[in-house]
Amino acid sequence: LSHEIGVHLLTYFNGDAQGLAIFRNGLAGYEGMQEGLAVLAEYLVGGMTAARLRLIAARVIACQAMLAGAPFEYTFRVLHGDFGLDDRSAFNVVLRVFRGGGLAKDAIYLRGVAQVLDHLKSGGSLTPFWIGKISAAHFADIQELNARGLLRAPRLEPAFLSSDAARPRLKKAMAGIDPIDMVET
């Protein structure tokens, strides 16, 4: 819920309110940061389990294998045999990555959350991300558009950011953690 609604849908509606479709649909290169924010949202609400992080990592491995030219069956064997995913999970990950001839988008989730964590550790704020589908690379342009009065403040902010449960997790992320540190037992 926090992943899809609290990040993707929220930035869609906030982007739509900007009056420029590009903020609703996404500026170039926004995908990694968007998925990173969504994975961070899962962590902030207490939903980052070892199984979830393992699934995200398995998708990266499957993307790498697919991009290297490995066939479906080999990639399945790697995830199932070498990495210990059960038959169903391994099959579903490989199917997801190989669909439509190959889709490597799933590789951005882990990279994206690492970028968000680095951004937070360096003192960056999450607030600019809520205006629409952008990445940190767009911050200078966003500031310029704001200075010219061409952007509106986000109408919506994720409810999970103000929850008592999320505050200590966000503080921990701002102090500096790796994706593996987001797993709660």
Protein backbone atom coordinates (compact mmCIF):
# COMPACT_ATOMS: atom_id res chain seq x y z
CA LEU A 1 0.00 0.00 0.00
CA SER A 2 2.74 2.48 0.96
CA HIS A 3 4.73 1.45 -2.14
CA GLU A 4 2.00 1.81 -4.76
CA ILE A 5 -0.28 4.44 -3.22
CA GLY A 6 2.04 6.30 -0.85
CA VAL A 7 4.67 6.86 -3.52
CA HIS A 8 3.59 6.03 -7.10
CA LEU A 9 0.01 7.29 -6.96
CA LEU A 10 0.86 10.25 -4.73
CA THR A 11 3.63 11.50 -7.05
CA TYR A 12 1.32 10.95 -10.03
CA PHE A 13 -1.37 13.22 -8.53
CA ASN A 14 1.12 15.79 -7.26
CA GLY A 15 2.81 15.79 -10.66
CA ASP A 16 -0.54 16.22 -12.38
CA ALA A 17 -1.22 19.29 -10.22
CA GLN A 18 1.93 20.95 -11.61
CA GLY A 19 0.19 21.58 -14.92
CA LEU A 20 3.00 19.99 -16.91
CA ALA A 21 2.34 16.37 -17.88
CA ILE A 22 6.03 15.56 -17.60
CA PHE A 23 5.82 15.78 -13.80
CA ARG A 24 2.92 13.33 -13.83
CA ASN A 25 4.45 10.93 -16.35
CA GLY A 26 8.04 11.25 -15.17
CA LEU A 27 11.15 13.20 -16.07
CA ALA A 28 14.01 11.34 -17.75
CA GLY A 29 15.66 8.91 -15.38
CA TYR A 30 13.02 9.17 -12.65
CA GLU A 31 12.31 5.42 -12.46
CA GLY A 32 15.18 4.38 -10.20
CA MET A 33 14.51 7.07 -7.64
CA GLN A 34 10.77 6.41 -7.79
CA GLU A 35 11.22 2.69 -7.08
CA GLY A 36 13.85 3.49 -4.46
CA LEU A 37 11.39 5.77 -2.67
CA ALA A 38 8.76 3.04 -2.88
CA VAL A 39 11.09 0.44 -1.36
CA LEU A 40 12.04 2.94 1.36
CA ALA A 41 8.30 3.40 2.02
CA GLU A 42 7.99 -0.35 2.57
CA TYR A 43 10.79 -0.13 5.13
CA LEU A 44 9.35 2.92 6.88
CA VAL A 45 6.03 1.18 7.49
CA GLY A 46 7.77 -1.94 8.79
CA GLY A 47 7.21 -4.08 5.72
CA MET A 48 10.79 -4.80 4.69
CA THR A 49 11.22 -8.46 5.47
CA ALA A 50 14.16 -10.65 4.57
CA ALA A 51 11.92 -12.40 2.04
CA ARG A 52 10.99 -9.09 0.36
CA LEU A 53 14.60 -7.89 0.11
CA ARG A 54 15.64 -11.32 -1.15
CA LEU A 55 12.98 -11.10 -3.87
CA ILE A 56 14.21 -7.66 -4.93
CA ALA A 57 17.80 -8.97 -5.06
CA ALA A 58 16.69 -12.07 -7.01
CA ARG A 59 15.16 -9.80 -9.64
CA VAL A 60 18.50 -8.02 -10.04
CA ILE A 61 20.28 -11.36 -10.49
CA ALA A 62 17.67 -12.48 -13.03
CA CYS A 63 18.01 -9.20 -14.97
CA GLN A 64 21.79 -9.57 -15.05
CA ALA A 65 21.50 -13.14 -16.34
CA MET A 66 18.93 -12.17 -18.97
CA LEU A 67 21.03 -9.23 -20.17
CA ALA A 68 24.07 -11.52 -20.38
CA GLY A 69 22.10 -13.73 -22.77
CA ALA A 70 21.24 -16.55 -20.39
CA PRO A 71 18.12 -18.51 -21.33
CA PHE A 72 15.03 -18.73 -19.17
CA GLU A 73 15.82 -22.24 -17.91
CA TYR A 74 19.38 -21.38 -16.87
CA THR A 75 18.22 -18.27 -15.02
CA PHE A 76 15.60 -20.34 -13.21
CA ARG A 77 18.26 -22.88 -12.18
CA VAL A 78 20.51 -20.09 -10.87
CA LEU A 79 17.76 -18.61 -8.71
CA HIS A 80 16.47 -21.97 -7.53
CA GLY A 81 19.70 -23.95 -7.23
CA ASP A 82 22.37 -21.37 -6.45
CA PHE A 83 20.30 -18.86 -4.50
CA GLY A 84 17.77 -21.21 -2.92
CA LEU A 85 14.52 -19.65 -4.05
CA ASP A 86 11.64 -22.11 -4.02
CA ASP A 87 10.35 -23.34 -7.40
CA ARG A 88 7.37 -21.00 -7.55
CA SER A 89 9.28 -17.85 -6.51
CA ALA A 90 12.18 -18.56 -8.87
CA PHE A 91 9.80 -19.23 -11.76
CA ASN A 92 7.77 -16.07 -11.10
CA VAL A 93 10.89 -13.89 -10.90
CA VAL A 94 12.29 -15.30 -14.15
CA LEU A 95 8.91 -15.02 -15.86
CA ARG A 96 8.63 -11.39 -14.76
CA VAL A 97 12.10 -10.54 -16.10
CA PHE A 98 11.79 -12.46 -19.38
CA ARG A 99 8.25 -11.28 -20.20
CA GLY A 100 7.80 -9.59 -23.54
CA GLY A 101 11.24 -10.65 -24.71
CA GLY A 102 13.02 -9.29 -21.65
CA LEU A 103 12.40 -6.41 -19.27
CA ALA A 104 15.24 -5.28 -17.03
CA LYS A 105 13.30 -2.63 -15.11
CA ASP A 106 13.40 -4.74 -11.95
CA ALA A 107 17.13 -4.08 -11.63
CA ILE A 108 16.42 -0.48 -10.62
CA TYR A 109 14.67 -1.22 -7.32
CA LEU A 110 17.83 -2.09 -5.41
CA ARG A 111 19.93 0.60 -7.10
CA GLY A 112 17.15 3.12 -6.48
CA VAL A 113 16.85 2.44 -2.76
CA ALA A 114 20.65 2.63 -2.44
CA GLN A 115 20.51 6.08 -4.11
CA VAL A 116 17.72 7.23 -1.79
CA LEU A 117 19.65 6.01 1.26
CA ASP A 118 22.79 7.84 0.05
CA HIS A 119 20.70 10.97 -0.52
CA LEU A 120 19.33 10.81 3.03
CA LYS A 121 22.74 10.08 4.55
CA SER A 122 24.21 13.16 2.84
CA GLY A 123 21.53 15.32 4.47
CA GLY A 124 19.09 15.37 1.58
CA SER A 125 15.37 15.78 2.11
CA LEU A 126 12.56 13.63 0.76
CA THR A 127 10.28 16.66 0.33
CA PRO A 128 11.30 17.61 -3.25
CA PHE A 129 10.49 14.11 -4.48
CA TRP A 130 6.79 14.53 -3.72
CA ILE A 131 6.17 17.22 -6.38
CA GLY A 132 6.06 14.59 -9.12
CA LYS A 133 8.03 11.82 -10.75
CA ILE A 134 11.58 13.19 -10.61
CA SER A 135 15.08 12.16 -9.57
CA ALA A 136 17.69 13.92 -7.48
CA ALA A 137 19.43 14.89 -10.73
CA HIS A 138 16.54 17.28 -11.36
CA PHE A 139 16.82 19.20 -8.08
CA ALA A 140 18.64 22.22 -9.57
CA ASP A 141 15.99 22.53 -12.28
CA ILE A 142 13.22 22.11 -9.70
CA GLN A 143 14.74 24.91 -7.58
CA GLU A 144 14.91 27.15 -10.65
CA LEU A 145 11.27 26.44 -11.55
CA ASN A 146 10.27 27.08 -7.93
CA ALA A 147 12.18 30.37 -7.88
CA ARG A 148 10.28 31.46 -10.98
CA GLY A 149 6.97 30.52 -9.37
CA LEU A 150 6.26 27.83 -11.94
CA LEU A 151 5.76 24.92 -9.53
CA ARG A 152 3.22 24.29 -6.84
CA ALA A 153 4.01 22.76 -3.47
CA PRO A 154 2.98 19.11 -3.27
CA ARG A 155 -0.72 18.84 -2.45
CA LEU A 156 -0.21 15.47 -0.81
CA GLU A 157 2.56 14.01 1.31
CA PRO A 158 2.79 10.36 2.29
CA ALA A 159 0.86 9.68 5.49
CA PHE A 160 3.44 7.12 6.53
CA LEU A 161 6.08 9.84 6.98
CA SER A 162 4.21 11.25 9.97
CA SER A 163 3.54 7.92 11.66
CA ASP A 164 5.19 7.18 14.98
CA ALA A 165 6.47 3.88 13.61
CA ALA A 166 8.21 5.50 10.62
CA ARG A 167 10.06 8.26 12.49
CA PRO A 168 12.78 6.08 14.10
CA ARG A 169 13.27 4.16 10.85
CA LEU A 170 13.65 7.40 8.89
CA LYS A 171 16.10 8.70 11.48
CA LYS A 172 18.09 5.46 11.12
CA ALA A 173 18.08 5.83 7.32
CA MET A 174 19.27 9.43 7.61
CA ALA A 175 22.14 8.32 9.87
CA GLY A 176 23.28 5.95 7.14
CA ILE A 177 22.24 2.38 6.44
CA ASP A 178 22.58 -0.12 3.62
CA PRO A 179 19.58 -1.90 2.09
CA ILE A 180 20.35 -5.04 4.12
CA ASP A 181 19.98 -2.96 7.31
CA MET A 182 16.35 -2.26 6.40
CA VAL A 183 15.38 -5.87 7.12
CA GLU A 184 13.57 -6.22 10.40
CA THR A 185 13.42 -9.57 12.13
